[in-house]
């Protein structure tokens, strides 16, 4: 994977943190901060999640895009490196529930 294949879009047409695009294609990976927004999964999208405590992310691609499956993971890895979080854990499930459980002390009741 070459770094120059992916880039951050300067367009602001989505209500998300960032949009990662791939040169010469229609591929778009939307990035949401789960710490700052009330993210809800869209019905026509494929999503992955990321955790780099305390930052939580959602990554979303349209199921209408044939490149979604092929490039999503590479784009997430590129984004993690780009924002200086190469240790970002990529997850299939929303980490917010686990994060909230870990934030509260166990009372033993």
C-alpha atoms as a PDB file:
ATOM      1  CA  UNK A   1       0.000   0.000   0.000  1.00  0.00           C
ATOM      2  CA  UNK A   2       1.434   3.366  -1.009  1.00  0.00           C
ATOM      3  CA  UNK A   3       0.635   6.391   1.134  1.00  0.00           C
ATOM      4  CA  UNK A   4      -0.112   8.436  -1.962  1.00  0.00           C
ATOM      5  CA  UNK A   5      -3.070   6.209  -2.847  1.00  0.00           C
ATOM      6  CA  UNK A   6      -5.147   7.671   0.010  1.00  0.00           C
ATOM      7  CA  UNK A   7      -5.705  11.276   1.005  1.00  0.00           C
ATOM      8  CA  UNK A   8      -7.963  13.356   3.244  1.00  0.00           C
ATOM      9  CA  UNK A   9     -10.670  15.169   1.355  1.00  0.00           C
ATOM     10  CA  UNK A  10     -11.046  18.893   1.894  1.00  0.00           C
ATOM     11  CA  UNK A  11     -14.746  18.698   0.948  1.00  0.00           C
ATOM     12  CA  UNK A  12     -17.209  19.268   3.752  1.00  0.00           C
ATOM     13  CA  UNK A  13     -20.325  17.518   2.477  1.00  0.00           C
ATOM     14  CA  UNK A  14     -20.791  14.955   5.241  1.00  0.00           C
ATOM     15  CA  UNK A  15     -21.371  15.370   8.966  1.00  0.00           C
ATOM     16  CA  UNK A  16     -18.241  13.478   9.974  1.00  0.00           C
ATOM     17  CA  UNK A  17     -14.737  14.050  11.320  1.00  0.00           C
ATOM     18  CA  UNK A  18     -12.816  13.220   8.120  1.00  0.00           C
ATOM     19  CA  UNK A  19     -13.248  11.618   4.711  1.00  0.00           C
ATOM     20  CA  UNK A  20     -10.474   9.439   3.294  1.00  0.00           C
ATOM     21  CA  UNK A  21     -10.476   9.086  -0.477  1.00  0.00           C
ATOM     22  CA  UNK A  22      -8.422   7.046  -2.890  1.00  0.00           C
ATOM     23  CA  UNK A  23      -6.850   8.652  -5.952  1.00  0.00           C
ATOM     24  CA  UNK A  24      -8.548   7.839  -9.257  1.00  0.00           C
ATOM     25  CA  UNK A  25     -11.598   6.132  -7.706  1.00  0.00           C
ATOM     26  CA  UNK A  26     -14.941   7.000  -6.092  1.00  0.00           C
ATOM     27  CA  UNK A  27     -13.909   5.267  -2.848  1.00  0.00           C
ATOM     28  CA  UNK A  28     -14.767   7.241   0.305  1.00  0.00           C
ATOM     29  CA  UNK A  29     -14.205   6.208   3.914  1.00  0.00           C
ATOM     30  CA  UNK A  30     -16.119   8.413   6.349  1.00  0.00           C
ATOM     31  CA  UNK A  31     -14.533   8.775   9.794  1.00  0.00           C
ATOM     32  CA  UNK A  32     -16.602   9.614  12.870  1.00  0.00           C
ATOM     33  CA  UNK A  33     -15.429  10.374  16.390  1.00  0.00           C
ATOM     34  CA  UNK A  34     -17.548   8.312  18.769  1.00  0.00           C
ATOM     35  CA  UNK A  35     -16.384  10.527  21.637  1.00  0.00           C
ATOM     36  CA  UNK A  36     -17.927  13.651  20.114  1.00  0.00           C
ATOM     37  CA  UNK A  37     -20.998  12.551  18.138  1.00  0.00           C
ATOM     38  CA  UNK A  38     -24.123  10.446  18.456  1.00  0.00           C
ATOM     39  CA  UNK A  39     -23.117   8.125  15.626  1.00  0.00           C
ATOM     40  CA  UNK A  40     -25.755   5.740  14.311  1.00  0.00           C
ATOM     41  CA  UNK A  41     -25.093   3.076  11.701  1.00  0.00           C
ATOM     42  CA  UNK A  42     -26.578   3.838   8.281  1.00  0.00           C
ATOM     43  CA  UNK A  43     -28.518   0.988   6.699  1.00  0.00           C
ATOM     44  CA  UNK A  44     -26.642   1.032   3.385  1.00  0.00           C
ATOM     45  CA  UNK A  45     -23.135   1.131   4.869  1.00  0.00           C
ATOM     46  CA  UNK A  46     -20.416  -1.226   5.993  1.00  0.00           C
ATOM     47  CA  UNK A  47     -18.751  -0.118   9.198  1.00  0.00           C
ATOM     48  CA  UNK A  48     -15.680  -0.847  11.253  1.00  0.00           C
ATOM     49  CA  UNK A  49     -14.683   0.712  14.551  1.00  0.00           C
ATOM     50  CA  UNK A  50     -11.419   1.802  16.063  1.00  0.00           C
ATOM     51  CA  UNK A  51     -10.132   2.186  19.596  1.00  0.00           C
ATOM     52  CA  UNK A  52      -6.997   3.929  20.775  1.00  0.00           C
ATOM     53  CA  UNK A  53      -7.901   4.710  24.376  1.00  0.00           C
ATOM     54  CA  UNK A  54      -9.505   7.116  25.034  1.00  0.00           C
ATOM     55  CA  UNK A  55     -10.306   7.897  21.361  1.00  0.00           C
ATOM     56  CA  UNK A  56     -13.063   5.859  19.715  1.00  0.00           C
ATOM     57  CA  UNK A  57     -13.840   5.955  15.987  1.00  0.00           C
ATOM     58  CA  UNK A  58     -16.372   4.643  13.489  1.00  0.00           C
ATOM     59  CA  UNK A  59     -15.383   4.074   9.865  1.00  0.00           C
ATOM     60  CA  UNK A  60     -18.056   3.810   7.217  1.00  0.00           C
ATOM     61  CA  UNK A  61     -18.190   3.013   3.503  1.00  0.00           C
ATOM     62  CA  UNK A  62     -21.173   2.774   1.201  1.00  0.00           C
ATOM     63  CA  UNK A  63     -22.273  -0.703   0.183  1.00  0.00           C
ATOM     64  CA  UNK A  64     -22.983   0.768  -3.255  1.00  0.00           C
ATOM     65  CA  UNK A  65     -19.241   1.202  -3.836  1.00  0.00           C
ATOM     66  CA  UNK A  66     -17.683  -1.936  -5.347  1.00  0.00           C
ATOM     67  CA  UNK A  67     -14.310  -0.986  -3.818  1.00  0.00           C
ATOM     68  CA  UNK A  68     -15.687  -0.896  -0.255  1.00  0.00           C
ATOM     69  CA  UNK A  69     -14.616  -4.384   0.755  1.00  0.00           C
ATOM     70  CA  UNK A  70     -11.306  -4.268  -1.080  1.00  0.00           C
ATOM     71  CA  UNK A  71      -9.948  -1.021   0.325  1.00  0.00           C
ATOM     72  CA  UNK A  72     -11.695  -0.337   3.621  1.00  0.00           C
ATOM     73  CA  UNK A  73      -9.124  -1.976   5.890  1.00  0.00           C
ATOM     74  CA  UNK A  74      -6.188  -0.387   4.026  1.00  0.00           C
ATOM     75  CA  UNK A  75      -7.847   3.029   4.284  1.00  0.00           C
ATOM     76  CA  UNK A  76      -8.449   2.586   8.039  1.00  0.00           C
ATOM     77  CA  UNK A  77      -4.784   1.606   8.568  1.00  0.00           C
ATOM     78  CA  UNK A  78      -3.645   4.576   6.464  1.00  0.00           C
ATOM     79  CA  UNK A  79      -5.853   6.920   8.502  1.00  0.00           C
ATOM     80  CA  UNK A  80      -4.567   5.527  11.810  1.00  0.00           C
ATOM     81  CA  UNK A  81      -0.977   6.149  10.724  1.00  0.00           C
ATOM     82  CA  UNK A  82      -1.877   9.565   9.330  1.00  0.00           C
ATOM     83  CA  UNK A  83      -3.320  10.759  12.669  1.00  0.00           C
ATOM     84  CA  UNK A  84      -0.405   9.333  14.634  1.00  0.00           C
ATOM     85  CA  UNK A  85      -2.237   6.348  16.123  1.00  0.00           C
ATOM     86  CA  UNK A  86      -0.590   3.319  14.486  1.00  0.00           C
ATOM     87  CA  UNK A  87      -1.660   1.232  17.496  1.00  0.00           C
ATOM     88  CA  UNK A  88      -5.352   1.794  16.690  1.00  0.00           C
ATOM     89  CA  UNK A  89      -7.266  -1.424  17.335  1.00  0.00           C
ATOM     90  CA  UNK A  90      -9.684  -2.133  14.477  1.00  0.00           C
ATOM     91  CA  UNK A  91     -12.930  -3.703  15.680  1.00  0.00           C
ATOM     92  CA  UNK A  92     -16.052  -5.168  14.099  1.00  0.00           C
ATOM     93  CA  UNK A  93     -18.355  -4.084  16.920  1.00  0.00           C
ATOM     94  CA  UNK A  94     -19.097  -0.710  18.455  1.00  0.00           C
ATOM     95  CA  UNK A  95     -16.678  -0.242  21.384  1.00  0.00           C
ATOM     96  CA  UNK A  96     -18.784   2.372  23.215  1.00  0.00           C
ATOM     97  CA  UNK A  97     -20.534  -0.144  25.483  1.00  0.00           C
ATOM     98  CA  UNK A  98     -17.225  -1.710  26.558  1.00  0.00           C
ATOM     99  CA  UNK A  99     -15.668   1.725  27.015  1.00  0.00           C
ATOM    100  CA  UNK A 100     -18.519   2.861  29.269  1.00  0.00           C
ATOM    101  CA  UNK A 101     -18.358  -0.341  31.347  1.00  0.00           C
ATOM    102  CA  UNK A 102     -14.612   0.120  31.866  1.00  0.00           C
ATOM    103  CA  UNK A 103     -15.097   3.761  32.896  1.00  0.00           C
ATOM    104  CA  UNK A 104     -17.105   2.946  36.005  1.00  0.00           C
ATOM    105  CA  UNK A 105     -15.633   1.212  39.065  1.00  0.00           C
ATOM    106  CA  UNK A 106     -17.047  -2.161  40.048  1.00  0.00           C
ATOM    107  CA  UNK A 107     -18.987  -1.808  43.296  1.00  0.00           C
ATOM    108  CA  UNK A 108     -19.145  -5.460  44.271  1.00  0.00           C
ATOM    109  CA  UNK A 109     -22.868  -5.211  44.980  1.00  0.00           C
END
